[in-house]
PDB file of N, CA and C in Angstrom:
ATOM      1  N   MET A   1     108.178 204.480 223.997  1.00  0.00           N
ATOM      2  CA  MET A   1     109.431 203.987 223.462  1.00  0.00           C
ATOM      3  C   MET A   1     109.581 204.450 222.012  1.00  0.00           C
ATOM      4  N   VAL A   2     110.753 204.925 221.686  1.00  0.00           N
ATOM      5  CA  VAL A   2     111.076 205.360 220.335  1.00  0.00           C
ATOM      6  C   VAL A   2     112.132 204.420 219.773  1.00  0.00           C
ATOM      7  N   LEU A   3     111.929 204.016 218.539  1.00  0.00           N
ATOM      8  CA  LEU A   3     112.876 203.120 217.883  1.00  0.00           C
ATOM      9  C   LEU A   3     113.920 203.918 217.130  1.00  0.00           C
ATOM     10  N   SER A   4     115.112 203.376 217.037  1.00  0.00           N
ATOM     11  CA  SER A   4     116.135 203.976 216.192  1.00  0.00           C
ATOM     12  C   SER A   4     115.826 203.638 214.734  1.00  0.00           C
ATOM     13  N   ARG A   5     116.432 204.369 213.835  1.00  0.00           N
ATOM     14  CA  ARG A   5     116.246 204.110 212.406  1.00  0.00           C
ATOM     15  C   ARG A   5     116.741 202.702 212.059  1.00  0.00           C
ATOM     16  N   ASP A   6     117.876 202.291 212.638  1.00  0.00           N
ATOM     17  CA  ASP A   6     118.409 200.949 212.375  1.00  0.00           C
ATOM     18  C   ASP A   6     117.450 199.863 212.845  1.00  0.00           C
ATOM     19  N   THR A   7     116.866 200.060 214.015  1.00  0.00           N
ATOM     20  CA  THR A   7     115.905 199.082 214.538  1.00  0.00           C
ATOM     21  C   THR A   7     114.661 199.040 213.660  1.00  0.00           C
ATOM     22  N   ALA A   8     114.213 200.207 213.220  1.00  0.00           N
ATOM     23  CA  ALA A   8     113.041 200.270 212.337  1.00  0.00           C
ATOM     24  C   ALA A   8     113.307 199.523 211.034  1.00  0.00           C
ATOM     25  N   GLU A   9     114.509 199.687 210.482  1.00  0.00           N
ATOM     26  CA  GLU A   9     114.840 198.981 209.243  1.00  0.00           C
ATOM     27  C   GLU A   9     114.938 197.479 209.472  1.00  0.00           C
ATOM     28  N   LEU A  10     115.415 197.062 210.630  1.00  0.00           N
ATOM     29  CA  LEU A  10     115.454 195.635 210.948  1.00  0.00           C
ATOM     30  C   LEU A  10     114.036 195.072 211.029  1.00  0.00           C
ATOM     31  N   ILE A  11     113.143 195.796 211.664  1.00  0.00           N
ATOM     32  CA  ILE A  11     111.748 195.353 211.754  1.00  0.00           C
ATOM     33  C   ILE A  11     111.108 195.365 210.368  1.00  0.00           C
ATOM     34  N   GLY A  12     111.436 196.360 209.561  1.00  0.00           N
ATOM     35  CA  GLY A  12     110.941 196.391 208.185  1.00  0.00           C
ATOM     36  C   GLY A  12     111.425 195.202 207.387  1.00  0.00           C
ATOM     37  N   LEU A  13     112.673 194.850 207.557  1.00  0.00           N
ATOM     38  CA  LEU A  13     113.234 193.661 206.902  1.00  0.00           C
ATOM     39  C   LEU A  13     112.506 192.406 207.368  1.00  0.00           C
ATOM     40  N   GLN A  14     112.247 192.311 208.653  1.00  0.00           N
ATOM     41  CA  GLN A  14     111.516 191.168 209.193  1.00  0.00           C
ATOM     42  C   GLN A  14     110.092 191.124 208.643  1.00  0.00           C
ATOM     43  N   ALA A  15     109.485 192.292 208.454  1.00  0.00           N
ATOM     44  CA  ALA A  15     108.127 192.348 207.902  1.00  0.00           C
ATOM     45  C   ALA A  15     108.100 191.841 206.466  1.00  0.00           C
ATOM     46  N   VAL A  16     109.087 192.249 205.673  1.00  0.00           N
ATOM     47  CA  VAL A  16     109.150 191.778 204.286  1.00  0.00           C
ATOM     48  C   VAL A  16     109.334 190.264 204.260  1.00  0.00           C
ATOM     49  N   ALA A  17     110.232 189.753 205.093  1.00  0.00           N
ATOM     50  CA  ALA A  17     110.471 188.302 205.140  1.00  0.00           C
ATOM     51  C   ALA A  17     109.226 187.566 205.615  1.00  0.00           C
ATOM     52  N   TRP A  18     108.552 188.112 206.620  1.00  0.00           N
ATOM     53  CA  TRP A  18     107.340 187.478 207.148  1.00  0.00           C
ATOM     54  C   TRP A  18     106.261 187.416 206.072  1.00  0.00           C
ATOM     55  N   LEU A  19     106.052 188.534 205.369  1.00  0.00           N
ATOM     56  CA  LEU A  19     105.034 188.566 204.322  1.00  0.00           C
ATOM     57  C   LEU A  19     105.412 187.652 203.162  1.00  0.00           C
ATOM     58  N   ALA A  20     106.679 187.624 202.794  1.00  0.00           N
ATOM     59  CA  ALA A  20     107.122 186.762 201.696  1.00  0.00           C
ATOM     60  C   ALA A  20     106.873 185.292 202.004  1.00  0.00           C
ATOM     61  N   SER A  21     106.937 184.927 203.273  1.00  0.00           N
ATOM     62  CA  SER A  21     106.742 183.521 203.657  1.00  0.00           C
ATOM     63  C   SER A  21     105.284 183.187 203.949  1.00  0.00           C
ATOM     64  N   ASN A  22     104.405 184.178 203.914  1.00  0.00           N
ATOM     65  CA  ASN A  22     102.993 183.966 204.221  1.00  0.00           C
ATOM     66  C   ASN A  22     102.240 183.682 202.921  1.00  0.00           C
ATOM     67  N   ASP A  23     101.987 182.404 202.672  1.00  0.00           N
ATOM     68  CA  ASP A  23     101.382 181.990 201.401  1.00  0.00           C
ATOM     69  C   ASP A  23      99.950 182.471 201.218  1.00  0.00           C
ATOM     70  N   GLU A  24      99.260 182.810 202.292  1.00  0.00           N
ATOM     71  CA  GLU A  24      97.893 183.317 202.174  1.00  0.00           C
ATOM     72  C   GLU A  24      97.860 184.818 201.937  1.00  0.00           C
ATOM     73  N   LEU A  25      98.716 185.540 202.630  1.00  0.00           N
ATOM     74  CA  LEU A  25      98.672 186.992 202.600  1.00  0.00           C
ATOM     75  C   LEU A  25      99.515 187.610 201.484  1.00  0.00           C
ATOM     76  N   ARG A  26     100.607 186.947 201.107  1.00  0.00           N
ATOM     77  CA  ARG A  26     101.480 187.477 200.053  1.00  0.00           C
ATOM     78  C   ARG A  26     100.716 187.767 198.767  1.00  0.00           C
ATOM     79  N   PRO A  27      99.854 186.856 198.275  1.00  0.00           N
ATOM     80  CA  PRO A  27      99.121 187.165 197.040  1.00  0.00           C
ATOM     81  C   PRO A  27      98.186 188.375 197.180  1.00  0.00           C
ATOM     82  N   VAL A  28      97.663 188.603 198.374  1.00  0.00           N
ATOM     83  CA  VAL A  28      96.812 189.772 198.597  1.00  0.00           C
ATOM     84  C   VAL A  28      97.650 191.042 198.443  1.00  0.00           C
ATOM     85  N   PHE A  29      98.838 191.046 199.029  1.00  0.00           N
ATOM     86  CA  PHE A  29      99.751 192.178 198.900  1.00  0.00           C
ATOM     87  C   PHE A  29     100.139 192.389 197.436  1.00  0.00           C
ATOM     88  N   LEU A  30     100.493 191.312 196.767  1.00  0.00           N
ATOM     89  CA  LEU A  30     100.901 191.419 195.358  1.00  0.00           C
ATOM     90  C   LEU A  30      99.776 191.993 194.511  1.00  0.00           C
ATOM     91  N   GLY A  31      98.558 191.519 194.745  1.00  0.00           N
ATOM     92  CA  GLY A  31      97.422 192.008 193.977  1.00  0.00           C
ATOM     93  C   GLY A  31      97.091 193.459 194.285  1.00  0.00           C
ATOM     94  N   ALA A  32      97.228 193.845 195.548  1.00  0.00           N
ATOM     95  CA  ALA A  32      96.883 195.207 195.954  1.00  0.00           C
ATOM     96  C   ALA A  32      97.917 196.229 195.499  1.00  0.00           C
ATOM     97  N   THR A  33      99.172 195.821 195.411  1.00  0.00           N
ATOM     98  CA  THR A  33     100.241 196.773 195.123  1.00  0.00           C
ATOM     99  C   THR A  33     100.824 196.656 193.723  1.00  0.00           C
ATOM    100  N   GLY A  34     100.627 195.534 193.084  1.00  0.00           N
ATOM    101  CA  GLY A  34     101.253 195.302 191.792  1.00  0.00           C
ATOM    102  C   GLY A  34     102.704 194.875 191.915  1.00  0.00           C
ATOM    103  N   ALA A  35     103.170 194.648 193.135  1.00  0.00           N
ATOM    104  CA  ALA A  35     104.538 194.171 193.350  1.00  0.00           C
ATOM    105  C   ALA A  35     104.665 192.739 192.828  1.00  0.00           C
ATOM    106  N   SER A  36     105.879 192.365 192.494  1.00  0.00           N
ATOM    107  CA  SER A  36     106.149 191.005 192.015  1.00  0.00           C
ATOM    108  C   SER A  36     106.946 190.245 193.063  1.00  0.00           C
ATOM    109  N   GLU A  37     107.081 188.963 192.837  1.00  0.00           N
ATOM    110  CA  GLU A  37     107.898 188.138 193.731  1.00  0.00           C
ATOM    111  C   GLU A  37     109.335 188.657 193.766  1.00  0.00           C
ATOM    112  N   SER A  38     109.839 189.094 192.633  1.00  0.00           N
ATOM    113  CA  SER A  38     111.210 189.604 192.607  1.00  0.00           C
ATOM    114  C   SER A  38     111.337 190.929 193.363  1.00  0.00           C
ATOM    115  N   ASP A  39     110.223 191.667 193.482  1.00  0.00           N
ATOM    116  CA  ASP A  39     110.255 192.902 194.264  1.00  0.00           C
ATOM    117  C   ASP A  39     110.577 192.625 195.730  1.00  0.00           C
ATOM    118  N   PHE A  40     110.170 191.457 196.222  1.00  0.00           N
ATOM    119  CA  PHE A  40     110.499 191.105 197.603  1.00  0.00           C
ATOM    120  C   PHE A  40     112.009 190.979 197.776  1.00  0.00           C
ATOM    121  N   ARG A  41     112.649 190.316 196.845  1.00  0.00           N
ATOM    122  CA  ARG A  41     114.108 190.173 196.941  1.00  0.00           C
ATOM    123  C   ARG A  41     114.791 191.534 196.807  1.00  0.00           C
ATOM    124  N   ALA A  42     114.326 192.325 195.857  1.00  0.00           N
ATOM    125  CA  ALA A  42     114.927 193.637 195.644  1.00  0.00           C
ATOM    126  C   ALA A  42     114.611 194.599 196.785  1.00  0.00           C
ATOM    127  N   GLY A  43     113.460 194.415 197.425  1.00  0.00           N
ATOM    128  CA  GLY A  43     113.023 195.341 198.463  1.00  0.00           C
ATOM    129  C   GLY A  43     113.452 195.000 199.864  1.00  0.00           C
ATOM    130  N   LEU A  44     114.151 193.894 200.025  1.00  0.00           N
ATOM    131  CA  LEU A  44     114.549 193.491 201.369  1.00  0.00           C
ATOM    132  C   LEU A  44     115.256 194.601 202.132  1.00  0.00           C
ATOM    133  N   GLU A  45     116.159 195.297 201.485  1.00  0.00           N
ATOM    134  CA  GLU A  45     116.934 196.325 202.166  1.00  0.00           C
ATOM    135  C   GLU A  45     116.516 197.738 201.774  1.00  0.00           C
ATOM    136  N   ASP A  46     115.387 197.866 201.100  1.00  0.00           N
ATOM    137  CA  ASP A  46     114.884 199.176 200.681  1.00  0.00           C
ATOM    138  C   ASP A  46     113.895 199.681 201.739  1.00  0.00           C
ATOM    139  N   PRO A  47     114.251 200.722 202.484  1.00  0.00           N
ATOM    140  CA  PRO A  47     113.360 201.224 203.525  1.00  0.00           C
ATOM    141  C   PRO A  47     111.984 201.656 203.015  1.00  0.00           C
ATOM    142  N   GLU A  48     111.906 202.125 201.782  1.00  0.00           N
ATOM    143  CA  GLU A  48     110.602 202.512 201.232  1.00  0.00           C
ATOM    144  C   GLU A  48     109.718 201.286 201.018  1.00  0.00           C
ATOM    145  N   PHE A  49     110.294 200.201 200.498  1.00  0.00           N
ATOM    146  CA  PHE A  49     109.529 198.971 200.316  1.00  0.00           C
ATOM    147  C   PHE A  49     109.139 198.387 201.667  1.00  0.00           C
ATOM    148  N   GLN A  50     110.057 198.420 202.615  1.00  0.00           N
ATOM    149  CA  GLN A  50     109.760 197.945 203.968  1.00  0.00           C
ATOM    150  C   GLN A  50     108.584 198.729 204.554  1.00  0.00           C
ATOM    151  N   GLY A  51     108.586 200.039 204.330  1.00  0.00           N
ATOM    152  CA  GLY A  51     107.484 200.868 204.807  1.00  0.00           C
ATOM    153  C   GLY A  51     106.164 200.492 204.163  1.00  0.00           C
ATOM    154  N   ALA A  52     106.203 200.184 202.864  1.00  0.00           N
ATOM    155  CA  ALA A  52     104.981 199.777 202.168  1.00  0.00           C
ATOM    156  C   ALA A  52     104.450 198.461 202.736  1.00  0.00           C
ATOM    157  N   VAL A  53     105.352 197.550 203.044  1.00  0.00           N
ATOM    158  CA  VAL A  53     104.938 196.273 203.635  1.00  0.00           C
ATOM    159  C   VAL A  53     104.346 196.521 205.022  1.00  0.00           C
ATOM    160  N   LEU A  54     104.990 197.355 205.815  1.00  0.00           N
ATOM    161  CA  LEU A  54     104.438 197.663 207.139  1.00  0.00           C
ATOM    162  C   LEU A  54     103.085 198.359 207.023  1.00  0.00           C
ATOM    163  N   ASP A  55     102.935 199.272 206.062  1.00  0.00           N
ATOM    164  CA  ASP A  55     101.627 199.904 205.832  1.00  0.00           C
ATOM    165  C   ASP A  55     100.566 198.843 205.571  1.00  0.00           C
ATOM    166  N   PHE A  56     100.903 197.874 204.747  1.00  0.00           N
ATOM    167  CA  PHE A  56      99.969 196.803 204.416  1.00  0.00           C
ATOM    168  C   PHE A  56      99.621 195.988 205.653  1.00  0.00           C
ATOM    169  N   ILE A  57     100.612 195.570 206.406  1.00  0.00           N
ATOM    170  CA  ILE A  57     100.364 194.766 207.611  1.00  0.00           C
ATOM    171  C   ILE A  57      99.511 195.541 208.605  1.00  0.00           C
ATOM    172  N   LEU A  58      99.759 196.834 208.722  1.00  0.00           N
ATOM    173  CA  LEU A  58      99.031 197.666 209.683  1.00  0.00           C
ATOM    174  C   LEU A  58      97.570 197.878 209.313  1.00  0.00           C
ATOM    175  N   MET A  59      97.163 197.448 208.133  1.00  0.00           N
ATOM    176  CA  MET A  59      95.771 197.600 207.713  1.00  0.00           C
ATOM    177  C   MET A  59      94.821 196.669 208.458  1.00  0.00           C
ATOM    178  N   ASP A  60      95.337 195.626 209.082  1.00  0.00           N
ATOM    179  CA  ASP A  60      94.452 194.640 209.717  1.00  0.00           C
ATOM    180  C   ASP A  60      95.046 194.202 211.056  1.00  0.00           C
ATOM    181  N   ASP A  61      94.243 194.287 212.096  1.00  0.00           N
ATOM    182  CA  ASP A  61      94.724 193.910 213.429  1.00  0.00           C
ATOM    183  C   ASP A  61      95.192 192.455 213.495  1.00  0.00           C
ATOM    184  N   ALA A  62      94.539 191.581 212.759  1.00  0.00           N
ATOM    185  CA  ALA A  62      94.943 190.167 212.768  1.00  0.00           C
ATOM    186  C   ALA A  62      96.311 189.993 212.124  1.00  0.00           C
ATOM    187  N   TRP A  63      96.604 190.771 211.089  1.00  0.00           N
ATOM    188  CA  TRP A  63      97.919 190.700 210.441  1.00  0.00           C
ATOM    189  C   TRP A  63      99.002 191.225 211.379  1.00  0.00           C
ATOM    190  N   VAL A  64      98.690 192.325 212.073  1.00  0.00           N
ATOM    191  CA  VAL A  64      99.636 192.876 213.049  1.00  0.00           C
ATOM    192  C   VAL A  64      99.916 191.839 214.126  1.00  0.00           C
ATOM    193  N   ALA A  65      98.849 191.229 214.639  1.00  0.00           N
ATOM    194  CA  ALA A  65      99.006 190.231 215.696  1.00  0.00           C
ATOM    195  C   ALA A  65      99.823 189.043 215.208  1.00  0.00           C
ATOM    196  N   GLY A  66      99.559 188.566 214.003  1.00  0.00           N
ATOM    197  CA  GLY A  66     100.300 187.427 213.464  1.00  0.00           C
ATOM    198  C   GLY A  66     101.774 187.739 213.291  1.00  0.00           C
ATOM    199  N   PHE A  67     102.067 188.920 212.771  1.00  0.00           N
ATOM    200  CA  PHE A  67     103.458 189.350 212.594  1.00  0.00           C
ATOM    201  C   PHE A  67     104.151 189.467 213.942  1.00  0.00           C
ATOM    202  N   CYS A  68     103.526 190.151 214.872  1.00  0.00           N
ATOM    203  CA  CYS A  68     104.143 190.391 216.187  1.00  0.00           C
ATOM    204  C   CYS A  68     104.308 189.101 216.979  1.00  0.00           C
ATOM    205  N   GLU A  69     103.306 188.248 216.958  1.00  0.00           N
ATOM    206  CA  GLU A  69     103.400 186.991 217.689  1.00  0.00           C
ATOM    207  C   GLU A  69     104.502 186.113 217.111  1.00  0.00           C
ATOM    208  N   GLY A  70     104.626 186.101 215.800  1.00  0.00           N
ATOM    209  CA  GLY A  70     105.647 185.293 215.156  1.00  0.00           C
ATOM    210  C   GLY A  70     107.066 185.729 215.489  1.00  0.00           C
ATOM    211  N   LEU A  71     107.228 187.017 215.821  1.00  0.00           N
ATOM    212  CA  LEU A  71     108.563 187.554 216.095  1.00  0.00           C
ATOM    213  C   LEU A  71     108.760 187.966 217.551  1.00  0.00           C
ATOM    214  N   GLY A  72     107.717 187.784 218.359  1.00  0.00           N
ATOM    215  CA  GLY A  72     107.829 188.156 219.763  1.00  0.00           C
ATOM    216  C   GLY A  72     107.914 189.660 219.984  1.00  0.00           C
ATOM    217  N   LEU A  73     107.188 190.430 219.193  1.00  0.00           N
ATOM    218  CA  LEU A  73     107.204 191.885 219.289  1.00  0.00           C
ATOM    219  C   LEU A  73     105.950 192.394 219.974  1.00  0.00           C
ATOM    220  N   ASP A  74     106.041 193.571 220.598  1.00  0.00           N
ATOM    221  CA  ASP A  74     104.859 194.251 221.109  1.00  0.00           C
ATOM    222  C   ASP A  74     103.987 194.662 219.933  1.00  0.00           C
ATOM    223  N   LEU A  75     102.686 194.749 220.161  1.00  0.00           N
ATOM    224  CA  LEU A  75     101.765 195.092 219.081  1.00  0.00           C
ATOM    225  C   LEU A  75     101.973 196.503 218.545  1.00  0.00           C
ATOM    226  N   ASP A  76     102.580 197.391 219.312  1.00  0.00           N
ATOM    227  CA  ASP A  76     102.847 198.753 218.846  1.00  0.00           C
ATOM    228  C   ASP A  76     104.110 198.862 217.999  1.00  0.00           C
ATOM    229  N   THR A  77     104.940 197.848 218.011  1.00  0.00           N
ATOM    230  CA  THR A  77     106.238 197.923 217.341  1.00  0.00           C
ATOM    231  C   THR A  77     106.136 198.180 215.841  1.00  0.00           C
ATOM    232  N   PRO A  78     105.249 197.510 215.096  1.00  0.00           N
ATOM    233  CA  PRO A  78     105.180 197.799 213.656  1.00  0.00           C
ATOM    234  C   PRO A  78     104.818 199.257 213.362  1.00  0.00           C
ATOM    235  N   ARG A  79     103.917 199.823 214.139  1.00  0.00           N
ATOM    236  CA  ARG A  79     103.534 201.216 213.947  1.00  0.00           C
ATOM    237  C   ARG A  79     104.715 202.148 214.239  1.00  0.00           C
ATOM    238  N   MET A  80     105.444 201.868 215.302  1.00  0.00           N
ATOM    239  CA  MET A  80     106.594 202.697 215.644  1.00  0.00           C
ATOM    240  C   MET A  80     107.690 202.569 214.585  1.00  0.00           C
ATOM    241  N   ALA A  81     107.900 201.358 214.083  1.00  0.00           N
ATOM    242  CA  ALA A  81     108.896 201.155 213.036  1.00  0.00           C
ATOM    243  C   ALA A  81     108.487 201.898 211.775  1.00  0.00           C
ATOM    244  N   ARG A  82     107.208 201.815 211.436  1.00  0.00           N
ATOM    245  CA  ARG A  82     106.728 202.489 210.219  1.00  0.00           C
ATOM    246  C   ARG A  82     106.966 203.982 210.290  1.00  0.00           C
ATOM    247  N   ALA A  83     106.785 204.560 211.463  1.00  0.00           N
ATOM    248  CA  ALA A  83     106.966 206.000 211.629  1.00  0.00           C
ATOM    249  C   ALA A  83     108.411 206.432 211.379  1.00  0.00           C
ATOM    250  N   MET A  84     109.356 205.529 211.548  1.00  0.00           N
ATOM    251  CA  MET A  84     110.769 205.854 211.378  1.00  0.00           C
ATOM    252  C   MET A  84     111.270 205.656 209.945  1.00  0.00           C
ATOM    253  N   LEU A  85     110.476 205.017 209.108  1.00  0.00           N
ATOM    254  CA  LEU A  85     110.883 204.745 207.729  1.00  0.00           C
ATOM    255  C   LEU A  85     110.370 205.843 206.797  1.00  0.00           C
ATOM    256  N   PRO A  86     110.933 205.972 205.603  1.00  0.00           N
ATOM    257  CA  PRO A  86     110.509 207.033 204.686  1.00  0.00           C
ATOM    258  C   PRO A  86     109.005 207.030 204.445  1.00  0.00           C
ATOM    259  N   GLY A  87     108.408 208.214 204.543  1.00  0.00           N
ATOM    260  CA  GLY A  87     106.962 208.359 204.321  1.00  0.00           C
ATOM    261  C   GLY A  87     106.127 207.958 205.510  1.00  0.00           C
ATOM    262  N   GLY A  88     106.753 207.696 206.640  1.00  0.00           N
ATOM    263  CA  GLY A  88     106.022 207.179 207.792  1.00  0.00           C
ATOM    264  C   GLY A  88     105.584 208.203 208.801  1.00  0.00           C
ATOM    265  N   GLY A  89     105.807 209.464 208.553  1.00  0.00           N
ATOM    266  CA  GLY A  89     105.368 210.480 209.503  1.00  0.00           C
ATOM    267  C   GLY A  89     103.861 210.442 209.652  1.00  0.00           C
ATOM    268  N   GLU A  90     103.406 210.551 210.878  1.00  0.00           N
ATOM    269  CA  GLU A  90     101.959 210.539 211.101  1.00  0.00           C
ATOM    270  C   GLU A  90     101.346 211.801 210.519  1.00  0.00           C
ATOM    271  N   VAL A  91     100.198 211.631 209.885  1.00  0.00           N
ATOM    272  CA  VAL A  91      99.504 212.736 209.239  1.00  0.00           C
ATOM    273  C   VAL A  91      98.592 213.406 210.249  1.00  0.00           C
ATOM    274  N   ASN A  92      98.680 214.724 210.322  1.00  0.00           N
ATOM    275  CA  ASN A  92      97.772 215.488 211.163  1.00  0.00           C
ATOM    276  C   ASN A  92      96.846 216.250 210.234  1.00  0.00           C
ATOM    277  N   TRP A  93      95.576 215.919 210.242  1.00  0.00           N
ATOM    278  CA  TRP A  93      94.629 216.476 209.283  1.00  0.00           C
ATOM    279  C   TRP A  93      94.015 217.775 209.759  1.00  0.00           C
ATOM    280  N   THR A  94      94.439 218.286 210.925  1.00  0.00           N
ATOM    281  CA  THR A  94      93.824 219.540 211.413  1.00  0.00           C
ATOM    282  C   THR A  94      94.671 220.728 211.073  1.00  0.00           C
TER     283      THR A  94
END
């Protein structure tokens, strides 16, 4: 299944909202990226920020599962959405 760009941005928006509401994980993201609380508000509709949030969530299977379960998404959906956002092309190292 391939996602449209609009669907990917919707999932990215949901990822930003999910992370912003996660009191345990949000500080980890803020510390790792240097983003501020106001960056969440400013980044809601920014596909690059959405991609950064999805990159962060994709770092841990438990985070992916928590995000997907909370929104009723397949576990592959965040990865597919990330691929459609700026900077999300899969890297081929060969």
